[in-house]
Amino acid sequence: MKKTGVILIIFLQTVAAACPVCERQQPKIVRGIVHGAGPDTSWDYVIVCTVAVIALATLFFSVKWLIKPGEKNKSHIKYSILNND
C-alpha cells in the first residue's frame, strides 16, 4: 500500500509539472502548470474558466445532495425500497 502511494505521488508530480520547453512557451499566468502550446486567444481562458465553474458547481451539488438529499415526501420512490412493510 505504501509503495503504491509513493508511485502515485511521483506520477502526479511528473504529470502536474510542466517540462522546461513547455514552460518557455506558456504565458506568465499558466507558466509551470500546464503542458503544450499556450492559448491562442482570450476565449481559451473564458472557456476553461466556464468549464471549471460548471465542474465545481456539479461537484458541490453532488456532494450536498448525496449527504442530505432532502426528500420529505412519504410517497417518494426511495421509501418503497427502504420500508420493509
Protein backbone atom coordinates (compact mmCIF):
# COMPACT_ATOMS: atom_id res chain seq x y z
CA MET A 1 0.00 0.00 0.00
CA LYS A 2 2.81 2.40 0.90
CA LYS A 3 4.65 1.57 -2.32
CA THR A 4 1.53 2.35 -4.37
CA GLY A 5 1.16 5.70 -2.63
CA VAL A 6 4.77 6.65 -3.39
CA ILE A 7 4.36 5.66 -7.04
CA LEU A 8 1.14 7.67 -7.26
CA ILE A 9 2.80 10.78 -5.78
CA ILE A 10 5.74 10.51 -8.19
CA PHE A 11 3.36 10.06 -11.13
CA LEU A 12 1.25 13.06 -10.14
CA GLN A 13 4.31 15.28 -9.72
CA THR A 14 5.57 14.23 -13.14
CA VAL A 15 2.23 14.88 -14.82
CA ALA A 16 1.44 18.09 -12.93
CA ALA A 17 4.72 19.89 -13.52
CA ALA A 18 5.41 21.35 -16.95
CA CYS A 19 8.62 20.48 -18.75
CA PRO A 20 11.16 23.27 -19.46
CA VAL A 21 10.28 23.51 -23.17
CA CYS A 22 6.56 23.88 -22.46
CA GLU A 23 7.28 26.32 -19.66
CA ARG A 24 9.02 28.73 -22.04
CA GLN A 25 6.04 28.66 -24.46
CA GLN A 26 3.39 29.42 -21.85
CA PRO A 27 2.07 32.85 -20.88
CA LYS A 28 3.11 34.09 -17.44
CA ILE A 29 -0.24 33.26 -15.79
CA VAL A 30 -0.04 29.49 -16.51
CA ARG A 31 3.74 29.07 -16.67
CA GLY A 32 4.90 25.96 -14.83
CA ILE A 33 1.41 24.50 -14.56
CA VAL A 34 0.39 23.21 -17.99
CA HIS A 35 1.96 21.39 -20.92
CA GLY A 36 1.70 22.10 -24.62
CA ALA A 37 1.23 25.25 -26.62
CA GLY A 38 -0.19 28.34 -25.00
CA PRO A 39 -3.73 29.56 -25.51
CA ASP A 40 -4.40 31.09 -28.92
CA THR A 41 -6.94 33.72 -27.86
CA SER A 42 -8.55 35.18 -24.76
CA TRP A 43 -11.56 32.97 -25.44
CA ASP A 44 -9.50 29.96 -24.37
CA TYR A 45 -9.31 31.38 -20.84
CA VAL A 46 -13.05 32.11 -20.84
CA ILE A 47 -13.86 28.57 -21.96
CA VAL A 48 -11.57 26.96 -19.37
CA CYS A 49 -12.91 29.14 -16.55
CA THR A 50 -16.52 28.41 -17.55
CA VAL A 51 -15.88 24.67 -17.60
CA ALA A 52 -14.11 24.88 -14.22
CA VAL A 53 -17.07 26.73 -12.67
CA ILE A 54 -19.53 24.17 -14.07
CA ALA A 55 -17.39 21.27 -12.80
CA LEU A 56 -17.06 22.80 -9.32
CA ALA A 57 -20.81 23.52 -9.13
CA THR A 58 -21.55 19.95 -10.19
CA LEU A 59 -19.18 18.58 -7.56
CA PHE A 60 -20.66 20.83 -4.86
CA PHE A 61 -24.28 19.88 -5.55
CA SER A 62 -23.44 16.18 -5.98
CA VAL A 63 -21.82 16.04 -2.55
CA LYS A 64 -24.52 18.23 -0.98
CA TRP A 65 -27.40 16.10 -2.24
CA LEU A 66 -25.55 12.87 -1.51
CA ILE A 67 -25.07 13.86 2.14
CA LYS A 68 -28.52 15.38 2.66
CA PRO A 69 -30.95 14.58 -0.17
CA GLY A 70 -33.88 16.48 1.36
CA GLU A 71 -36.81 14.38 0.12
CA LYS A 72 -39.52 14.61 2.76
CA ASN A 73 -42.44 13.25 0.75
CA LYS A 74 -43.54 9.86 2.13
CA SER A 75 -44.63 8.71 -1.35
CA HIS A 76 -41.12 9.21 -2.77
CA ILE A 77 -39.80 6.14 -4.60
CA LYS A 78 -36.93 5.68 -2.15
CA TYR A 79 -39.38 4.74 0.60
CA SER A 80 -40.65 1.80 -1.45
CA ILE A 81 -37.13 0.37 -1.19
CA LEU A 82 -36.28 1.49 2.34
CA ASN A 83 -39.50 0.35 4.01
CA ASN A 84 -39.81 -3.39 4.61
CA ASP A 85 -43.55 -3.16 5.36
